[in-house]
PDB file of all heavy atoms in Angstrom:
ATOM      1  N   ALA A   1       4.166  -8.217  -3.728  1.00  0.00           N
ATOM      2  CA  ALA A   1       4.034  -6.963  -2.941  1.00  0.00           C
ATOM      3  C   ALA A   1       3.254  -5.995  -3.691  1.00  0.00           C
ATOM      4  O   ALA A   1       2.825  -6.252  -4.894  1.00  0.00           O
ATOM      5  CB  ALA A   1       5.435  -6.284  -2.721  1.00  0.00           C
ATOM      6  N   VAL A   2       2.763  -4.992  -3.086  1.00  0.00           N
ATOM      7  CA  VAL A   2       1.889  -3.946  -3.817  1.00  0.00           C
ATOM      8  C   VAL A   2       2.377  -2.601  -3.620  1.00  0.00           C
ATOM      9  O   VAL A   2       2.917  -2.244  -2.535  1.00  0.00           O
ATOM     10  CB  VAL A   2       0.404  -4.014  -3.416  1.00  0.00           C
ATOM     11  CG1 VAL A   2      -0.277  -5.202  -3.840  1.00  0.00           C
ATOM     12  CG2 VAL A   2       0.382  -3.904  -1.860  1.00  0.00           C
ATOM     13  N   VAL A   3       2.371  -1.759  -4.638  1.00  0.00           N
ATOM     14  CA  VAL A   3       2.750  -0.296  -4.641  1.00  0.00           C
ATOM     15  C   VAL A   3       1.478   0.491  -5.127  1.00  0.00           C
ATOM     16  O   VAL A   3       0.981   0.192  -6.208  1.00  0.00           O
ATOM     17  CB  VAL A   3       3.916   0.048  -5.594  1.00  0.00           C
ATOM     18  CG1 VAL A   3       4.310   1.439  -5.610  1.00  0.00           C
ATOM     19  CG2 VAL A   3       5.166  -0.805  -5.053  1.00  0.00           C
ATOM     20  N   SER A   4       1.123   1.461  -4.375  1.00  0.00           N
ATOM     21  CA  SER A   4      -0.126   2.342  -4.637  1.00  0.00           C
ATOM     22  C   SER A   4       0.375   3.731  -4.870  1.00  0.00           C
ATOM     23  O   SER A   4       1.200   4.256  -3.955  1.00  0.00           O
ATOM     24  CB  SER A   4      -1.082   2.118  -3.643  1.00  0.00           C
ATOM     25  OG  SER A   4      -2.243   2.927  -4.010  1.00  0.00           O
ATOM     26  N   LEU A   5      -0.032   4.455  -5.963  1.00  0.00           N
ATOM     27  CA  LEU A   5       0.371   5.753  -6.141  1.00  0.00           C
ATOM     28  C   LEU A   5      -0.360   6.649  -5.259  1.00  0.00           C
ATOM     29  O   LEU A   5       0.031   7.825  -4.922  1.00  0.00           O
ATOM     30  CB  LEU A   5       0.123   6.112  -7.578  1.00  0.00           C
ATOM     31  CG  LEU A   5       0.779   5.207  -8.714  1.00  0.00           C
ATOM     32  CD1 LEU A   5       0.641   5.893 -10.053  1.00  0.00           C
ATOM     33  CD2 LEU A   5       2.197   4.931  -8.407  1.00  0.00           C
ATOM     34  N   GLU A   6      -1.584   6.253  -4.828  1.00  0.00           N
ATOM     35  CA  GLU A   6      -2.291   7.064  -3.864  1.00  0.00           C
ATOM     36  C   GLU A   6      -2.727   6.263  -2.665  1.00  0.00           C
ATOM     37  O   GLU A   6      -2.263   5.121  -2.548  1.00  0.00           O
ATOM     38  CB  GLU A   6      -3.628   7.530  -4.533  1.00  0.00           C
ATOM     39  CG  GLU A   6      -3.397   8.382  -5.787  1.00  0.00           C
ATOM     40  CD  GLU A   6      -4.745   8.724  -6.571  1.00  0.00           C
ATOM     41  OE1 GLU A   6      -5.835   8.426  -6.060  1.00  0.00           O
ATOM     42  OE2 GLU A   6      -4.712   9.255  -7.674  1.00  0.00           O
ATOM     43  N   GLY A   7      -3.262   6.897  -1.664  1.00  0.00           N
ATOM     44  CA  GLY A   7      -3.706   6.155  -0.544  1.00  0.00           C
ATOM     45  C   GLY A   7      -2.712   6.387   0.757  1.00  0.00           C
ATOM     46  O   GLY A   7      -1.731   6.974   0.625  1.00  0.00           O
ATOM     47  N   ALA A   8      -3.205   5.856   1.833  1.00  0.00           N
ATOM     48  CA  ALA A   8      -2.575   6.138   3.137  1.00  0.00           C
ATOM     49  C   ALA A   8      -2.069   4.861   3.804  1.00  0.00           C
ATOM     50  O   ALA A   8      -2.591   3.802   3.378  1.00  0.00           O
ATOM     51  CB  ALA A   8      -3.513   7.044   4.014  1.00  0.00           C
ATOM     52  N   ALA A   9      -1.251   4.972   4.655  1.00  0.00           N
ATOM     53  CA  ALA A   9      -0.654   3.810   5.252  1.00  0.00           C
ATOM     54  C   ALA A   9      -1.553   3.060   6.290  1.00  0.00           C
ATOM     55  O   ALA A   9      -1.241   2.014   6.728  1.00  0.00           O
ATOM     56  CB  ALA A   9       0.716   4.297   6.055  1.00  0.00           C
ATOM     57  N   ASN A  10      -2.647   3.748   6.684  1.00  0.00           N
ATOM     58  CA  ASN A  10      -3.636   3.188   7.530  1.00  0.00           C
ATOM     59  C   ASN A  10      -4.918   3.011   6.946  1.00  0.00           C
ATOM     60  O   ASN A  10      -6.054   2.930   7.666  1.00  0.00           O
ATOM     61  CB  ASN A  10      -3.672   3.909   8.958  1.00  0.00           C
ATOM     62  CG  ASN A  10      -2.619   3.603   9.907  1.00  0.00           C
ATOM     63  OD1 ASN A  10      -2.214   2.434   9.988  1.00  0.00           O
ATOM     64  ND2 ASN A  10      -2.089   4.534  10.541  1.00  0.00           N
ATOM     65  N   SER A  11      -4.973   2.982   5.646  1.00  0.00           N
ATOM     66  CA  SER A  11      -6.199   2.719   5.063  1.00  0.00           C
ATOM     67  C   SER A  11      -6.534   1.161   5.183  1.00  0.00           C
ATOM     68  O   SER A  11      -5.805   0.444   5.500  1.00  0.00           O
ATOM     69  CB  SER A  11      -6.131   3.007   3.522  1.00  0.00           C
ATOM     70  OG  SER A  11      -5.149   2.052   2.844  1.00  0.00           O
ATOM     71  N   HIS A  12      -7.763   0.852   4.992  1.00  0.00           N
ATOM     72  CA  HIS A  12      -8.309  -0.492   5.189  1.00  0.00           C
ATOM     73  C   HIS A  12      -7.485  -1.472   4.270  1.00  0.00           C
ATOM     74  O   HIS A  12      -7.300  -2.663   4.583  1.00  0.00           O
ATOM     75  CB  HIS A  12      -9.834  -0.688   5.061  1.00  0.00           C
ATOM     76  CG  HIS A  12     -10.408  -0.336   6.343  1.00  0.00           C
ATOM     77  ND1 HIS A  12     -11.727   0.003   6.394  1.00  0.00           N
ATOM     78  CD2 HIS A  12      -9.995  -0.080   7.536  1.00  0.00           C
ATOM     79  CE1 HIS A  12     -12.173   0.397   7.531  1.00  0.00           C
ATOM     80  NE2 HIS A  12     -11.057   0.262   8.332  1.00  0.00           N
ATOM     81  N   ALA A  13      -7.176  -1.061   3.069  1.00  0.00           N
ATOM     82  CA  ALA A  13      -6.284  -1.739   2.102  1.00  0.00           C
ATOM     83  C   ALA A  13      -5.031  -2.044   2.702  1.00  0.00           C
ATOM     84  O   ALA A  13      -4.547  -3.265   2.543  1.00  0.00           O
ATOM     85  CB  ALA A  13      -6.330  -1.097   0.740  1.00  0.00           C
ATOM     86  N   ALA A  14      -4.389  -1.067   3.160  1.00  0.00           N
ATOM     87  CA  ALA A  14      -3.036  -1.215   3.974  1.00  0.00           C
ATOM     88  C   ALA A  14      -3.140  -2.180   4.937  1.00  0.00           C
ATOM     89  O   ALA A  14      -2.300  -3.029   5.206  1.00  0.00           O
ATOM     90  CB  ALA A  14      -2.510   0.163   4.255  1.00  0.00           C
ATOM     91  N   ILE A  15      -4.247  -2.009   5.753  1.00  0.00           N
ATOM     92  CA  ILE A  15      -4.379  -2.988   6.988  1.00  0.00           C
ATOM     93  C   ILE A  15      -4.586  -4.438   6.554  1.00  0.00           C
ATOM     94  O   ILE A  15      -3.990  -5.337   7.096  1.00  0.00           O
ATOM     95  CB  ILE A  15      -5.605  -2.439   7.825  1.00  0.00           C
ATOM     96  CG1 ILE A  15      -5.307  -1.179   8.530  1.00  0.00           C
ATOM     97  CG2 ILE A  15      -5.982  -3.565   8.918  1.00  0.00           C
ATOM     98  CD1 ILE A  15      -6.509  -0.455   9.163  1.00  0.00           C
ATOM     99  N   LEU A  16      -5.300  -4.528   5.410  1.00  0.00           N
ATOM    100  CA  LEU A  16      -5.532  -5.931   4.888  1.00  0.00           C
ATOM    101  C   LEU A  16      -4.168  -6.469   4.395  1.00  0.00           C
ATOM    102  O   LEU A  16      -3.967  -7.680   4.541  1.00  0.00           O
ATOM    103  CB  LEU A  16      -6.521  -5.899   3.740  1.00  0.00           C
ATOM    104  CG  LEU A  16      -6.973  -7.246   3.171  1.00  0.00           C
ATOM    105  CD1 LEU A  16      -7.496  -8.182   4.191  1.00  0.00           C
ATOM    106  CD2 LEU A  16      -7.849  -7.086   2.007  1.00  0.00           C
ATOM    107  N   ALA A  17      -3.463  -5.698   3.701  1.00  0.00           N
ATOM    108  CA  ALA A  17      -2.111  -6.120   3.197  1.00  0.00           C
ATOM    109  C   ALA A  17      -1.173  -6.498   4.412  1.00  0.00           C
ATOM    110  O   ALA A  17      -0.503  -7.679   4.331  1.00  0.00           O
ATOM    111  CB  ALA A  17      -1.435  -4.893   2.472  1.00  0.00           C
ATOM    112  N   ARG A  18      -1.252  -5.861   5.553  1.00  0.00           N
ATOM    113  CA  ARG A  18      -0.450  -6.248   6.678  1.00  0.00           C
ATOM    114  C   ARG A  18      -0.889  -7.560   7.145  1.00  0.00           C
ATOM    115  O   ARG A  18      -0.117  -8.487   7.540  1.00  0.00           O
ATOM    116  CB  ARG A  18      -0.563  -5.248   7.727  1.00  0.00           C
ATOM    117  CG  ARG A  18       0.305  -3.865   7.376  1.00  0.00           C
ATOM    118  CD  ARG A  18       0.558  -3.087   8.558  1.00  0.00           C
ATOM    119  NE  ARG A  18      -0.712  -2.366   9.162  1.00  0.00           N
ATOM    120  CZ  ARG A  18      -1.137  -1.165   8.672  1.00  0.00           C
ATOM    121  NH1 ARG A  18      -0.354  -0.502   7.819  1.00  0.00           N
ATOM    122  NH2 ARG A  18      -2.241  -0.577   9.145  1.00  0.00           N
ATOM    123  N   ALA A  19      -2.284  -7.811   7.305  1.00  0.00           N
ATOM    124  CA  ALA A  19      -2.835  -9.014   7.824  1.00  0.00           C
ATOM    125  C   ALA A  19      -2.506 -10.235   6.904  1.00  0.00           C
ATOM    126  O   ALA A  19      -2.333 -11.349   7.389  1.00  0.00           O
ATOM    127  CB  ALA A  19      -4.340  -8.897   8.032  1.00  0.00           C
ATOM    128  N   LEU A  20      -2.410 -10.000   5.688  1.00  0.00           N
ATOM    129  CA  LEU A  20      -2.087 -10.988   4.638  1.00  0.00           C
ATOM    130  C   LEU A  20      -0.582 -11.280   4.605  1.00  0.00           C
ATOM    131  O   LEU A  20      -0.114 -12.142   3.775  1.00  0.00           O
ATOM    132  CB  LEU A  20      -2.752 -10.704   3.301  1.00  0.00           C
ATOM    133  CG  LEU A  20      -4.227 -10.802   3.196  1.00  0.00           C
ATOM    134  CD1 LEU A  20      -4.603 -10.162   1.829  1.00  0.00           C
ATOM    135  CD2 LEU A  20      -4.652 -12.110   3.300  1.00  0.00           C
ATOM    136  N   GLY A  21       0.233 -10.353   5.256  1.00  0.00           N
ATOM    137  CA  GLY A  21       1.650 -10.453   5.053  1.00  0.00           C
ATOM    138  C   GLY A  21       2.293 -10.011   3.765  1.00  0.00           C
ATOM    139  O   GLY A  21       3.261 -10.520   3.400  1.00  0.00           O
ATOM    140  N   ILE A  22       1.557  -9.027   3.067  1.00  0.00           N
ATOM    141  CA  ILE A  22       1.956  -8.619   1.808  1.00  0.00           C
ATOM    142  C   ILE A  22       2.828  -7.349   1.963  1.00  0.00           C
ATOM    143  O   ILE A  22       2.039  -6.354   2.400  1.00  0.00           O
ATOM    144  CB  ILE A  22       0.866  -8.495   0.764  1.00  0.00           C
ATOM    145  CG1 ILE A  22       0.154  -9.774   0.635  1.00  0.00           C
ATOM    146  CG2 ILE A  22       1.220  -7.885  -0.515  1.00  0.00           C
ATOM    147  CD1 ILE A  22      -1.205  -9.718  -0.184  1.00  0.00           C
ATOM    148  N   PRO A  23       4.035  -7.189   1.476  1.00  0.00           N
ATOM    149  CA  PRO A  23       4.647  -5.875   1.652  1.00  0.00           C
ATOM    150  C   PRO A  23       3.944  -4.850   0.802  1.00  0.00           C
ATOM    151  O   PRO A  23       3.563  -5.178  -0.279  1.00  0.00           O
ATOM    152  CB  PRO A  23       6.056  -6.105   1.075  1.00  0.00           C
ATOM    153  CG  PRO A  23       6.335  -7.574   1.309  1.00  0.00           C
ATOM    154  CD  PRO A  23       4.931  -8.221   1.094  1.00  0.00           C
ATOM    155  N   ALA A  24       3.814  -3.493   1.360  1.00  0.00           N
ATOM    156  CA  ALA A  24       3.036  -2.584   0.700  1.00  0.00           C
ATOM    157  C   ALA A  24       3.580  -1.211   0.929  1.00  0.00           C
ATOM    158  O   ALA A  24       4.023  -0.827   1.983  1.00  0.00           O
ATOM    159  CB  ALA A  24       1.558  -2.607   1.109  1.00  0.00           C
ATOM    160  N   ILE A  25       3.577  -0.460  -0.153  1.00  0.00           N
ATOM    161  CA  ILE A  25       3.967   0.970  -0.160  1.00  0.00           C
ATOM    162  C   ILE A  25       2.819   1.790  -0.649  1.00  0.00           C
ATOM    163  O   ILE A  25       2.407   1.551  -1.758  1.00  0.00           O
ATOM    164  CB  ILE A  25       5.321   1.124  -0.949  1.00  0.00           C
ATOM    165  CG1 ILE A  25       6.512   0.411  -0.237  1.00  0.00           C
ATOM    166  CG2 ILE A  25       5.649   2.641  -0.933  1.00  0.00           C
ATOM    167  CD1 ILE A  25       7.808   0.467  -0.972  1.00  0.00           C
ATOM    168  N   MET A  26       2.580   2.785  -0.036  1.00  0.00           N
ATOM    169  CA  MET A  26       1.376   3.780  -0.472  1.00  0.00           C
ATOM    170  C   MET A  26       2.007   5.121  -0.770  1.00  0.00           C
ATOM    171  O   MET A  26       3.057   5.555  -0.280  1.00  0.00           O
ATOM    172  CB  MET A  26       0.383   3.899   0.589  1.00  0.00           C
ATOM    173  CG  MET A  26      -0.101   2.521   1.270  1.00  0.00           C
ATOM    174  SD  MET A  26      -1.061   1.565   0.090  1.00  0.00           S
ATOM    175  CE  MET A  26      -2.624   2.402   0.263  1.00  0.00           C
ATOM    176  N   GLY A  27       1.259   5.921  -1.664  1.00  0.00           N
ATOM    177  CA  GLY A  27       1.617   7.224  -1.982  1.00  0.00           C
ATOM    178  C   GLY A  27       2.924   7.327  -2.674  1.00  0.00           C
ATOM    179  O   GLY A  27       3.688   8.366  -2.450  1.00  0.00           O
ATOM    180  N   ALA A  28       3.349   6.310  -3.476  1.00  0.00           N
ATOM    181  CA  ALA A  28       4.557   6.367  -4.160  1.00  0.00           C
ATOM    182  C   ALA A  28       4.725   7.484  -5.259  1.00  0.00           C
ATOM    183  O   ALA A  28       3.734   7.483  -6.080  1.00  0.00           O
ATOM    184  CB  ALA A  28       4.796   4.966  -4.825  1.00  0.00           C
ATOM    185  N   GLN A  29       5.702   8.139  -5.275  1.00  0.00           N
ATOM    186  CA  GLN A  29       5.839   9.256  -6.265  1.00  0.00           C
ATOM    187  C   GLN A  29       6.687   8.758  -7.458  1.00  0.00           C
ATOM    188  O   GLN A  29       7.943   8.795  -7.374  1.00  0.00           O
ATOM    189  CB  GLN A  29       6.502  10.417  -5.598  1.00  0.00           C
ATOM    190  CG  GLN A  29       5.770  11.050  -4.482  1.00  0.00           C
ATOM    191  CD  GLN A  29       4.387  11.703  -4.850  1.00  0.00           C
ATOM    192  OE1 GLN A  29       4.351  12.475  -5.872  1.00  0.00           O
ATOM    193  NE2 GLN A  29       3.367  11.383  -4.178  1.00  0.00           N
ATOM    194  N   LEU A  30       5.995   8.291  -8.481  1.00  0.00           N
ATOM    195  CA  LEU A  30       6.694   7.649  -9.586  1.00  0.00           C
ATOM    196  C   LEU A  30       5.862   7.657 -10.908  1.00  0.00           C
ATOM    197  O   LEU A  30       4.574   7.848 -10.707  1.00  0.00           O
ATOM    198  CB  LEU A  30       7.229   6.289  -9.239  1.00  0.00           C
ATOM    199  CG  LEU A  30       6.234   5.270  -8.733  1.00  0.00           C
ATOM    200  CD1 LEU A  30       5.481   4.661  -9.754  1.00  0.00           C
ATOM    201  CD2 LEU A  30       7.052   4.162  -7.970  1.00  0.00           C
ATOM    202  N   LYS A  31       6.371   7.439 -11.978  1.00  0.00           N
ATOM    203  CA  LYS A  31       5.599   7.329 -13.117  1.00  0.00           C
ATOM    204  C   LYS A  31       5.657   5.804 -13.393  1.00  0.00           C
ATOM    205  O   LYS A  31       6.506   5.172 -13.862  1.00  0.00           O
ATOM    206  CB  LYS A  31       6.385   7.985 -14.424  1.00  0.00           C
ATOM    207  CG  LYS A  31       6.225   9.556 -14.266  1.00  0.00           C
ATOM    208  CD  LYS A  31       6.537  10.100 -15.624  1.00  0.00           C
ATOM    209  CE  LYS A  31       6.239  11.589 -15.709  1.00  0.00           C
ATOM    210  NZ  LYS A  31       6.502  12.236 -17.034  1.00  0.00           N
ATOM    211  N   PRO A  32       4.459   5.208 -13.313  1.00  0.00           N
ATOM    212  CA  PRO A  32       4.226   3.728 -13.348  1.00  0.00           C
ATOM    213  C   PRO A  32       4.549   3.104 -14.746  1.00  0.00           C
ATOM    214  O   PRO A  32       4.952   1.962 -14.852  1.00  0.00           O
ATOM    215  CB  PRO A  32       2.793   3.592 -13.094  1.00  0.00           C
ATOM    216  CG  PRO A  32       2.103   4.795 -13.283  1.00  0.00           C
ATOM    217  CD  PRO A  32       3.166   5.823 -13.006  1.00  0.00           C
TER     218      PRO A  32
END
């Protein structure tokens, strides 16, 4: 899976993650 601290749920990266079947969370508020 992928977690991104920035970005939006309909960015092309998120769309590609959906197409590849990879769980993804964007805009996560955390200290990596």
